[in-house]
All heavy atoms as atom14 arrays in JSON, in Angstrom:
{
  "sequence": "YRSRSGGGILQRIRRTAGLLCCPMCGSQHPGTIDHYLPRERFPEFS",
  "atom14_mask": [
    [1, 1, 1, 1, 1, 1, 1, 1, 1, 1, 1, 1, 0, 0],
    [1, 1, 1, 1, 1, 1, 1, 1, 1, 1, 1, 0, 0, 0],
    [1, 1, 1, 1, 1, 1, 0, 0, 0, 0, 0, 0, 0, 0],
    [1, 1, 1, 1, 1, 1, 1, 1, 1, 1, 1, 0, 0, 0],
    [1, 1, 1, 1, 1, 1, 0, 0, 0, 0, 0, 0, 0, 0],
    [1, 1, 1, 1, 0, 0, 0, 0, 0, 0, 0, 0, 0, 0],
    [1, 1, 1, 1, 0, 0, 0, 0, 0, 0, 0, 0, 0, 0],
    [1, 1, 1, 1, 0, 0, 0, 0, 0, 0, 0, 0, 0, 0],
    [1, 1, 1, 1, 1, 1, 1, 1, 0, 0, 0, 0, 0, 0],
    [1, 1, 1, 1, 1, 1, 1, 1, 0, 0, 0, 0, 0, 0],
    [1, 1, 1, 1, 1, 1, 1, 1, 1, 0, 0, 0, 0, 0],
    [1, 1, 1, 1, 1, 1, 1, 1, 1, 1, 1, 0, 0, 0],
    [1, 1, 1, 1, 1, 1, 1, 1, 0, 0, 0, 0, 0, 0],
    [1, 1, 1, 1, 1, 1, 1, 1, 1, 1, 1, 0, 0, 0],
    [1, 1, 1, 1, 1, 1, 1, 1, 1, 1, 1, 0, 0, 0],
    [1, 1, 1, 1, 1, 1, 1, 0, 0, 0, 0, 0, 0, 0],
    [1, 1, 1, 1, 1, 0, 0, 0, 0, 0, 0, 0, 0, 0],
    [1, 1, 1, 1, 0, 0, 0, 0, 0, 0, 0, 0, 0, 0],
    [1, 1, 1, 1, 1, 1, 1, 1, 0, 0, 0, 0, 0, 0],
    [1, 1, 1, 1, 1, 1, 1, 1, 0, 0, 0, 0, 0, 0],
    [1, 1, 1, 1, 1, 1, 0, 0, 0, 0, 0, 0, 0, 0],
    [1, 1, 1, 1, 1, 1, 0, 0, 0, 0, 0, 0, 0, 0],
    [1, 1, 1, 1, 1, 1, 1, 0, 0, 0, 0, 0, 0, 0],
    [1, 1, 1, 1, 1, 1, 1, 1, 0, 0, 0, 0, 0, 0],
    [1, 1, 1, 1, 1, 1, 0, 0, 0, 0, 0, 0, 0, 0],
    [1, 1, 1, 1, 0, 0, 0, 0, 0, 0, 0, 0, 0, 0],
    [1, 1, 1, 1, 1, 1, 0, 0, 0, 0, 0, 0, 0, 0],
    [1, 1, 1, 1, 1, 1, 1, 1, 1, 0, 0, 0, 0, 0],
    [1, 1, 1, 1, 1, 1, 1, 1, 1, 1, 0, 0, 0, 0],
    [1, 1, 1, 1, 1, 1, 1, 0, 0, 0, 0, 0, 0, 0],
    [1, 1, 1, 1, 0, 0, 0, 0, 0, 0, 0, 0, 0, 0],
    [1, 1, 1, 1, 1, 1, 1, 0, 0, 0, 0, 0, 0, 0],
    [1, 1, 1, 1, 1, 1, 1, 1, 0, 0, 0, 0, 0, 0],
    [1, 1, 1, 1, 1, 1, 1, 1, 0, 0, 0, 0, 0, 0],
    [1, 1, 1, 1, 1, 1, 1, 1, 1, 1, 0, 0, 0, 0],
    [1, 1, 1, 1, 1, 1, 1, 1, 1, 1, 1, 1, 0, 0],
    [1, 1, 1, 1, 1, 1, 1, 1, 0, 0, 0, 0, 0, 0],
    [1, 1, 1, 1, 1, 1, 1, 0, 0, 0, 0, 0, 0, 0],
    [1, 1, 1, 1, 1, 1, 1, 1, 1, 1, 1, 0, 0, 0],
    [1, 1, 1, 1, 1, 1, 1, 1, 1, 0, 0, 0, 0, 0],
    [1, 1, 1, 1, 1, 1, 1, 1, 1, 1, 1, 0, 0, 0],
    [1, 1, 1, 1, 1, 1, 1, 1, 1, 1, 1, 0, 0, 0],
    [1, 1, 1, 1, 1, 1, 1, 0, 0, 0, 0, 0, 0, 0],
    [1, 1, 1, 1, 1, 1, 1, 1, 1, 0, 0, 0, 0, 0],
    [1, 1, 1, 1, 1, 1, 1, 1, 1, 1, 1, 0, 0, 0],
    [1, 1, 1, 1, 1, 1, 0, 0, 0, 0, 0, 0, 0, 0]
  ],
  "atom14_positions": [
    [[44.16, 68.97, 178.45], [44.65, 70.34, 178.67], [45.53, 70.39, 179.92], [46.6, 70.98, 179.91], [43.49, 71.31, 178.82], [43.93, 72.72, 179.19], [44.45, 73.55, 178.19], [43.88, 73.17, 180.49], [44.88, 74.83, 178.51], [44.33, 74.45, 180.81], [44.82, 75.27, 179.82], [45.29, 76.51, 180.15], [0.0, 0.0, 0.0], [0.0, 0.0, 0.0]],
    [[45.06, 69.78, 180.99], [45.84, 69.8, 182.24], [47.21, 69.15, 182.04], [48.22, 69.62, 182.59], [45.06, 69.12, 183.37], [43.8, 69.85, 183.76], [43.21, 69.3, 185.04], [42.75, 67.92, 184.9], [41.5, 67.61, 184.53], [40.6, 68.55, 184.23], [41.13, 66.34, 184.44], [0.0, 0.0, 0.0], [0.0, 0.0, 0.0], [0.0, 0.0, 0.0]],
    [[47.24, 68.08, 181.28], [48.51, 67.36, 181.12], [49.48, 68.06, 180.18], [50.67, 67.8, 180.19], [48.23, 65.95, 180.57], [47.71, 65.99, 179.26], [0.0, 0.0, 0.0], [0.0, 0.0, 0.0], [0.0, 0.0, 0.0], [0.0, 0.0, 0.0], [0.0, 0.0, 0.0], [0.0, 0.0, 0.0], [0.0, 0.0, 0.0], [0.0, 0.0, 0.0]],
    [[48.97, 68.97, 179.35], [49.83, 69.64, 178.36], [50.06, 71.12, 178.66], [50.75, 71.81, 177.92], [49.17, 69.54, 176.95], [49.23, 68.13, 176.38], [48.21, 67.97, 175.26], [48.43, 66.74, 174.5], [48.13, 65.53, 174.92], [47.62, 65.39, 176.14], [48.36, 64.46, 174.19], [0.0, 0.0, 0.0], [0.0, 0.0, 0.0], [0.0, 0.0, 0.0]],
    [[49.5, 71.61, 179.74], [49.53, 73.05, 179.99], [50.93, 73.61, 180.26], [51.15, 74.8, 180.13], [48.62, 73.39, 181.2], [49.08, 72.72, 182.37], [0.0, 0.0, 0.0], [0.0, 0.0, 0.0], [0.0, 0.0, 0.0], [0.0, 0.0, 0.0], [0.0, 0.0, 0.0], [0.0, 0.0, 0.0], [0.0, 0.0, 0.0], [0.0, 0.0, 0.0]],
    [[51.89, 72.73, 180.6], [53.21, 73.21, 180.92], [54.2, 73.27, 179.78], [55.35, 73.72, 179.96], [0.0, 0.0, 0.0], [0.0, 0.0, 0.0], [0.0, 0.0, 0.0], [0.0, 0.0, 0.0], [0.0, 0.0, 0.0], [0.0, 0.0, 0.0], [0.0, 0.0, 0.0], [0.0, 0.0, 0.0], [0.0, 0.0, 0.0], [0.0, 0.0, 0.0]],
    [[53.81, 72.81, 178.6], [54.78, 72.8, 177.51], [54.13, 72.82, 176.15], [52.92, 72.96, 176.0], [0.0, 0.0, 0.0], [0.0, 0.0, 0.0], [0.0, 0.0, 0.0], [0.0, 0.0, 0.0], [0.0, 0.0, 0.0], [0.0, 0.0, 0.0], [0.0, 0.0, 0.0], [0.0, 0.0, 0.0], [0.0, 0.0, 0.0], [0.0, 0.0, 0.0]],
    [[54.96, 72.66, 175.12], [54.45, 72.6, 173.73], [53.74, 73.86, 173.3], [54.05, 74.97, 173.69], [0.0, 0.0, 0.0], [0.0, 0.0, 0.0], [0.0, 0.0, 0.0], [0.0, 0.0, 0.0], [0.0, 0.0, 0.0], [0.0, 0.0, 0.0], [0.0, 0.0, 0.0], [0.0, 0.0, 0.0], [0.0, 0.0, 0.0], [0.0, 0.0, 0.0]],
    [[52.7, 73.65, 172.46], [51.96, 74.78, 171.9], [51.27, 75.58, 172.96], [51.17, 76.82, 172.88], [50.97, 74.28, 170.83], [50.24, 75.48, 170.17], [49.98, 73.3, 171.41], [51.16, 76.45, 169.47], [0.0, 0.0, 0.0], [0.0, 0.0, 0.0], [0.0, 0.0, 0.0], [0.0, 0.0, 0.0], [0.0, 0.0, 0.0], [0.0, 0.0, 0.0]],
    [[50.8, 74.94, 174.05], [50.11, 75.7, 175.11], [51.07, 76.7, 175.77], [50.69, 77.83, 176.06], [49.51, 74.77, 176.15], [48.09, 74.23, 175.83], [48.15, 73.29, 174.65], [47.48, 73.57, 177.03], [0.0, 0.0, 0.0], [0.0, 0.0, 0.0], [0.0, 0.0, 0.0], [0.0, 0.0, 0.0], [0.0, 0.0, 0.0], [0.0, 0.0, 0.0]],
    [[52.3, 76.26, 176.0], [53.27, 77.16, 176.59], [53.61, 78.29, 175.64], [53.8, 79.45, 176.07], [54.53, 76.37, 176.99], [55.6, 77.22, 177.68], [55.22, 77.64, 179.09], [54.07, 77.59, 179.47], [56.2, 78.07, 179.86], [0.0, 0.0, 0.0], [0.0, 0.0, 0.0], [0.0, 0.0, 0.0], [0.0, 0.0, 0.0], [0.0, 0.0, 0.0]],
    [[53.69, 78.01, 174.35], [54.01, 79.06, 173.37], [52.87, 80.07, 173.3], [53.15, 81.29, 173.15], [54.27, 78.44, 171.99], [55.54, 77.59, 171.95], [56.02, 77.42, 170.52], [55.08, 76.66, 169.7], [55.02, 75.34, 169.65], [55.86, 74.61, 170.38], [54.14, 74.74, 168.85], [0.0, 0.0, 0.0], [0.0, 0.0, 0.0], [0.0, 0.0, 0.0]],
    [[51.62, 79.6, 173.41], [50.49, 80.54, 173.41], [50.53, 81.39, 174.68], [50.38, 82.61, 174.62], [49.15, 79.77, 173.34], [49.02, 79.1, 171.95], [47.99, 80.7, 173.6], [47.84, 78.17, 171.83], [0.0, 0.0, 0.0], [0.0, 0.0, 0.0], [0.0, 0.0, 0.0], [0.0, 0.0, 0.0], [0.0, 0.0, 0.0], [0.0, 0.0, 0.0]],
    [[50.8, 80.76, 175.81], [50.84, 81.49, 177.09], [51.9, 82.58, 177.05], [51.72, 83.66, 177.61], [51.11, 80.52, 178.23], [51.14, 81.17, 179.61], [51.42, 80.12, 180.7], [50.34, 79.18, 180.84], [50.36, 77.91, 180.43], [51.46, 77.43, 179.84], [49.33, 77.12, 180.6], [0.0, 0.0, 0.0], [0.0, 0.0, 0.0], [0.0, 0.0, 0.0]],
    [[53.0, 82.31, 176.39], [54.14, 83.22, 176.37], [54.24, 83.96, 175.04], [55.33, 84.33, 174.59], [55.41, 82.46, 176.67], [55.41, 81.79, 178.05], [56.67, 81.01, 178.33], [57.82, 81.88, 178.37], [59.08, 81.45, 178.59], [59.28, 80.13, 178.77], [60.09, 82.27, 178.63], [0.0, 0.0, 0.0], [0.0, 0.0, 0.0], [0.0, 0.0, 0.0]],
    [[53.11, 84.18, 174.38], [53.09, 84.91, 173.12], [53.87, 86.21, 173.24], [53.59, 87.05, 174.13], [51.65, 85.22, 172.67], [50.95, 83.98, 172.5], [51.63, 86.0, 171.38], [0.0, 0.0, 0.0], [0.0, 0.0, 0.0], [0.0, 0.0, 0.0], [0.0, 0.0, 0.0], [0.0, 0.0, 0.0], [0.0, 0.0, 0.0], [0.0, 0.0, 0.0]],
    [[54.83, 86.42, 172.36], [55.7, 87.6, 172.46], [55.03, 88.83, 171.87], [54.17, 88.74, 171.0], [57.01, 87.31, 171.72], [0.0, 0.0, 0.0], [0.0, 0.0, 0.0], [0.0, 0.0, 0.0], [0.0, 0.0, 0.0], [0.0, 0.0, 0.0], [0.0, 0.0, 0.0], [0.0, 0.0, 0.0], [0.0, 0.0, 0.0], [0.0, 0.0, 0.0]],
    [[55.46, 89.99, 172.37], [55.05, 91.25, 171.79], [53.66, 91.76, 172.17], [53.15, 92.69, 171.56], [0.0, 0.0, 0.0], [0.0, 0.0, 0.0], [0.0, 0.0, 0.0], [0.0, 0.0, 0.0], [0.0, 0.0, 0.0], [0.0, 0.0, 0.0], [0.0, 0.0, 0.0], [0.0, 0.0, 0.0], [0.0, 0.0, 0.0], [0.0, 0.0, 0.0]],
    [[53.04, 91.17, 173.2], [51.72, 91.6, 173.59], [51.8, 92.91, 174.4], [52.43, 92.96, 175.44], [51.01, 90.54, 174.45], [50.72, 89.2, 173.75], [50.07, 88.24, 174.75], [49.83, 89.4, 172.53], [0.0, 0.0, 0.0], [0.0, 0.0, 0.0], [0.0, 0.0, 0.0], [0.0, 0.0, 0.0], [0.0, 0.0, 0.0], [0.0, 0.0, 0.0]],
    [[51.15, 93.95, 173.89], [51.11, 95.22, 174.62], [50.12, 95.19, 175.75], [50.24, 95.93, 176.73], [50.78, 96.37, 173.66], [51.76, 96.6, 172.53], [51.27, 97.75, 171.65], [53.16, 96.92, 173.05], [0.0, 0.0, 0.0], [0.0, 0.0, 0.0], [0.0, 0.0, 0.0], [0.0, 0.0, 0.0], [0.0, 0.0, 0.0], [0.0, 0.0, 0.0]],
    [[49.12, 94.33, 175.63], [48.1, 94.2, 176.67], [47.4, 92.85, 176.49], [47.65, 92.12, 175.52], [47.1, 95.34, 176.6], [46.12, 95.4, 175.08], [0.0, 0.0, 0.0], [0.0, 0.0, 0.0], [0.0, 0.0, 0.0], [0.0, 0.0, 0.0], [0.0, 0.0, 0.0], [0.0, 0.0, 0.0], [0.0, 0.0, 0.0], [0.0, 0.0, 0.0]],
    [[46.55, 92.51, 177.45], [45.8, 91.28, 177.36], [44.88, 91.33, 176.13], [44.13, 92.28, 175.96], [44.95, 91.09, 178.62], [43.76, 89.73, 178.54], [0.0, 0.0, 0.0], [0.0, 0.0, 0.0], [0.0, 0.0, 0.0], [0.0, 0.0, 0.0], [0.0, 0.0, 0.0], [0.0, 0.0, 0.0], [0.0, 0.0, 0.0], [0.0, 0.0, 0.0]],
    [[44.93, 90.34, 175.23], [44.09, 90.37, 174.04], [42.6, 90.34, 174.33], [41.8, 90.78, 173.49], [44.52, 89.09, 173.28], [45.9, 88.81, 173.77], [45.9, 89.24, 175.2], [0.0, 0.0, 0.0], [0.0, 0.0, 0.0], [0.0, 0.0, 0.0], [0.0, 0.0, 0.0], [0.0, 0.0, 0.0], [0.0, 0.0, 0.0], [0.0, 0.0, 0.0]],
    [[42.23, 89.87, 175.52], [40.81, 89.81, 175.85], [40.29, 91.07, 176.52], [39.28, 91.64, 176.11], [40.53, 88.6, 176.75], [40.63, 87.27, 176.03], [39.48, 87.06, 174.65], [37.9, 87.01, 175.5], [0.0, 0.0, 0.0], [0.0, 0.0, 0.0], [0.0, 0.0, 0.0], [0.0, 0.0, 0.0], [0.0, 0.0, 0.0], [0.0, 0.0, 0.0]],
    [[40.96, 91.55, 177.57], [40.39, 92.64, 178.34], [41.18, 93.96, 178.23], [40.62, 95.02, 178.55], [40.27, 92.26, 179.81], [41.82, 92.37, 180.76], [0.0, 0.0, 0.0], [0.0, 0.0, 0.0], [0.0, 0.0, 0.0], [0.0, 0.0, 0.0], [0.0, 0.0, 0.0], [0.0, 0.0, 0.0], [0.0, 0.0, 0.0], [0.0, 0.0, 0.0]],
    [[42.44, 93.93, 177.83], [43.19, 95.16, 177.68], [44.07, 95.52, 178.87], [44.73, 96.56, 178.85], [0.0, 0.0, 0.0], [0.0, 0.0, 0.0], [0.0, 0.0, 0.0], [0.0, 0.0, 0.0], [0.0, 0.0, 0.0], [0.0, 0.0, 0.0], [0.0, 0.0, 0.0], [0.0, 0.0, 0.0], [0.0, 0.0, 0.0], [0.0, 0.0, 0.0]],
    [[44.1, 94.66, 179.91], [45.01, 94.93, 181.03], [46.46, 94.66, 180.57], [46.68, 94.11, 179.5], [44.69, 94.04, 182.23], [45.23, 92.74, 182.06], [0.0, 0.0, 0.0], [0.0, 0.0, 0.0], [0.0, 0.0, 0.0], [0.0, 0.0, 0.0], [0.0, 0.0, 0.0], [0.0, 0.0, 0.0], [0.0, 0.0, 0.0], [0.0, 0.0, 0.0]],
    [[47.4, 95.06, 181.38], [48.8, 94.93, 180.99], [49.48, 93.74, 181.63], [50.67, 93.75, 181.83], [49.54, 96.22, 181.32], [49.11, 97.39, 180.48], [49.88, 98.66, 180.76], [49.41, 99.53, 181.46], [51.06, 98.73, 180.21], [0.0, 0.0, 0.0], [0.0, 0.0, 0.0], [0.0, 0.0, 0.0], [0.0, 0.0, 0.0], [0.0, 0.0, 0.0]],
    [[48.71, 92.69, 181.92], [49.29, 91.56, 182.62], [48.92, 90.2, 181.99], [48.36, 89.36, 182.67], [48.86, 91.59, 184.1], [49.21, 92.85, 184.79], [50.5, 93.14, 185.19], [48.45, 93.91, 185.14], [50.51, 94.34, 185.76], [49.29, 94.82, 185.75], [0.0, 0.0, 0.0], [0.0, 0.0, 0.0], [0.0, 0.0, 0.0], [0.0, 0.0, 0.0]],
    [[49.2, 89.97, 180.7], [48.98, 88.64, 180.15], [49.96, 87.65, 180.79], [50.86, 88.03, 181.52], [49.24, 88.8, 178.66], [50.1, 90.01, 178.56], [49.73, 90.91, 179.71], [0.0, 0.0, 0.0], [0.0, 0.0, 0.0], [0.0, 0.0, 0.0], [0.0, 0.0, 0.0], [0.0, 0.0, 0.0], [0.0, 0.0, 0.0], [0.0, 0.0, 0.0]],
    [[49.75, 86.39, 180.5], [50.66, 85.38, 181.08], [49.98, 84.07, 181.38], [50.63, 83.12, 181.84], [0.0, 0.0, 0.0], [0.0, 0.0, 0.0], [0.0, 0.0, 0.0], [0.0, 0.0, 0.0], [0.0, 0.0, 0.0], [0.0, 0.0, 0.0], [0.0, 0.0, 0.0], [0.0, 0.0, 0.0], [0.0, 0.0, 0.0], [0.0, 0.0, 0.0]],
    [[48.67, 83.99, 181.13], [47.96, 82.74, 181.31], [47.24, 82.41, 180.0], [47.39, 83.1, 179.01], [46.96, 82.8, 182.48], [45.9, 83.72, 182.12], [47.63, 83.25, 183.76], [0.0, 0.0, 0.0], [0.0, 0.0, 0.0], [0.0, 0.0, 0.0], [0.0, 0.0, 0.0], [0.0, 0.0, 0.0], [0.0, 0.0, 0.0], [0.0, 0.0, 0.0]],
    [[46.44, 81.35, 180.03], [45.64, 80.97, 178.87], [44.17, 80.97, 179.26], [43.8, 80.44, 180.31], [46.05, 79.59, 178.34], [47.44, 79.64, 177.7], [45.04, 79.08, 177.29], [47.92, 78.31, 177.17], [0.0, 0.0, 0.0], [0.0, 0.0, 0.0], [0.0, 0.0, 0.0], [0.0, 0.0, 0.0], [0.0, 0.0, 0.0], [0.0, 0.0, 0.0]],
    [[43.33, 81.54, 178.4], [41.92, 81.51, 178.58], [41.27, 80.75, 177.43], [41.68, 80.89, 176.29], [41.38, 82.95, 178.64], [39.89, 83.0, 178.95], [39.46, 82.23, 179.82], [39.19, 83.82, 178.37], [0.0, 0.0, 0.0], [0.0, 0.0, 0.0], [0.0, 0.0, 0.0], [0.0, 0.0, 0.0], [0.0, 0.0, 0.0], [0.0, 0.0, 0.0]],
    [[40.28, 79.93, 177.74], [39.52, 79.22, 176.69], [38.42, 80.16, 176.21], [37.56, 80.57, 176.97], [38.91, 77.93, 177.23], [39.9, 76.86, 177.48], [40.73, 76.84, 178.58], [40.21, 75.74, 176.74], [41.5, 75.77, 178.53], [41.2, 75.1, 177.43], [0.0, 0.0, 0.0], [0.0, 0.0, 0.0], [0.0, 0.0, 0.0], [0.0, 0.0, 0.0]],
    [[38.42, 80.44, 174.9], [37.38, 81.32, 174.35], [36.0, 80.68, 174.57], [35.12, 81.32, 175.15], [37.62, 81.6, 172.86], [36.55, 82.48, 172.27], [36.61, 83.86, 172.45], [35.47, 81.93, 171.57], [35.61, 84.67, 171.92], [34.47, 82.74, 171.06], [34.54, 84.11, 171.25], [33.55, 84.92, 170.76], [0.0, 0.0, 0.0], [0.0, 0.0, 0.0]],
    [[35.8, 79.46, 174.11], [34.61, 78.7, 174.49], [35.03, 77.84, 175.67], [35.99, 77.1, 175.63], [34.13, 77.79, 173.32], [33.57, 78.52, 172.12], [33.04, 77.53, 171.06], [32.48, 79.54, 172.49], [0.0, 0.0, 0.0], [0.0, 0.0, 0.0], [0.0, 0.0, 0.0], [0.0, 0.0, 0.0], [0.0, 0.0, 0.0], [0.0, 0.0, 0.0]],
    [[34.31, 77.94, 176.79], [34.74, 77.31, 178.04], [34.83, 75.8, 177.91], [33.95, 75.15, 177.36], [33.67, 77.72, 179.05], [32.47, 78.08, 178.22], [33.02, 78.66, 176.96], [0.0, 0.0, 0.0], [0.0, 0.0, 0.0], [0.0, 0.0, 0.0], [0.0, 0.0, 0.0], [0.0, 0.0, 0.0], [0.0, 0.0, 0.0], [0.0, 0.0, 0.0]],
    [[35.92, 75.25, 178.46], [36.12, 73.82, 178.33], [35.19, 73.01, 179.2], [34.99, 71.82, 178.93], [37.61, 73.44, 178.64], [38.1, 73.73, 180.02], [39.62, 73.58, 180.07], [40.17, 73.95, 181.35], [40.65, 73.07, 182.24], [40.62, 71.79, 181.96], [41.14, 73.48, 183.39], [0.0, 0.0, 0.0], [0.0, 0.0, 0.0], [0.0, 0.0, 0.0]],
    [[34.54, 73.62, 180.16], [33.54, 72.87, 180.92], [32.34, 72.52, 180.03], [31.76, 71.46, 180.18], [33.07, 73.71, 182.13], [34.09, 73.75, 183.26], [34.49, 72.36, 183.73], [33.58, 71.51, 183.96], [35.7, 72.08, 183.81], [0.0, 0.0, 0.0], [0.0, 0.0, 0.0], [0.0, 0.0, 0.0], [0.0, 0.0, 0.0], [0.0, 0.0, 0.0]],
    [[32.0, 73.43, 179.15], [30.86, 73.17, 178.26], [31.28, 72.61, 176.91], [30.53, 71.85, 176.29], [30.08, 74.48, 178.03], [28.83, 74.31, 177.19], [27.9, 75.48, 177.3], [26.74, 75.36, 176.44], [25.67, 74.63, 176.7], [25.61, 73.93, 177.81], [24.65, 74.61, 175.84], [0.0, 0.0, 0.0], [0.0, 0.0, 0.0], [0.0, 0.0, 0.0]],
    [[32.49, 72.94, 176.49], [33.0, 72.47, 175.19], [34.33, 71.74, 175.42], [35.39, 72.22, 174.98], [33.19, 73.63, 174.23], [31.93, 74.37, 173.84], [31.47, 75.44, 174.6], [31.24, 74.02, 172.71], [30.33, 76.13, 174.24], [30.08, 74.69, 172.32], [29.62, 75.75, 173.11], [0.0, 0.0, 0.0], [0.0, 0.0, 0.0], [0.0, 0.0, 0.0]],
    [[34.32, 70.59, 176.06], [35.58, 69.9, 176.35], [36.36, 69.5, 175.11], [37.56, 69.34, 175.15], [35.14, 68.69, 177.16], [33.71, 68.47, 176.78], [33.14, 69.82, 176.56], [0.0, 0.0, 0.0], [0.0, 0.0, 0.0], [0.0, 0.0, 0.0], [0.0, 0.0, 0.0], [0.0, 0.0, 0.0], [0.0, 0.0, 0.0], [0.0, 0.0, 0.0]],
    [[35.63, 69.34, 173.98], [36.29, 68.95, 172.73], [37.26, 70.03, 172.22], [38.12, 69.72, 171.4], [35.25, 68.62, 171.64], [34.38, 69.78, 171.19], [33.12, 69.94, 172.05], [33.12, 69.46, 173.2], [32.14, 70.52, 171.54], [0.0, 0.0, 0.0], [0.0, 0.0, 0.0], [0.0, 0.0, 0.0], [0.0, 0.0, 0.0], [0.0, 0.0, 0.0]],
    [[37.12, 71.26, 172.73], [38.02, 72.34, 172.3], [39.05, 72.67, 173.38], [39.68, 73.73, 173.31], [37.2, 73.58, 171.94], [36.18, 73.36, 170.87], [34.88, 73.8, 171.0], [36.52, 72.68, 169.71], [33.94, 73.6, 170.01], [35.6, 72.47, 168.69], [34.28, 72.93, 168.85], [0.0, 0.0, 0.0], [0.0, 0.0, 0.0], [0.0, 0.0, 0.0]],
    [[39.22, 71.77, 174.31], [40.15, 72.03, 175.44], [41.57, 72.29, 174.96], [42.29, 73.1, 175.55], [40.15, 70.84, 176.41], [38.93, 70.77, 177.09], [0.0, 0.0, 0.0], [0.0, 0.0, 0.0], [0.0, 0.0, 0.0], [0.0, 0.0, 0.0], [0.0, 0.0, 0.0], [0.0, 0.0, 0.0], [0.0, 0.0, 0.0], [0.0, 0.0, 0.0]]
  ]
}
């Protein structure tokens, strides 16, 4: 995850177009990526 966070599919997810608010909490400042299942406990889904 750390090695790929700057490009490819991770960058496309981070910059998902058309978001009116954060899909998780509803704030108006998306722009990062959150792991639904935490990668510390589920590294296979990183």
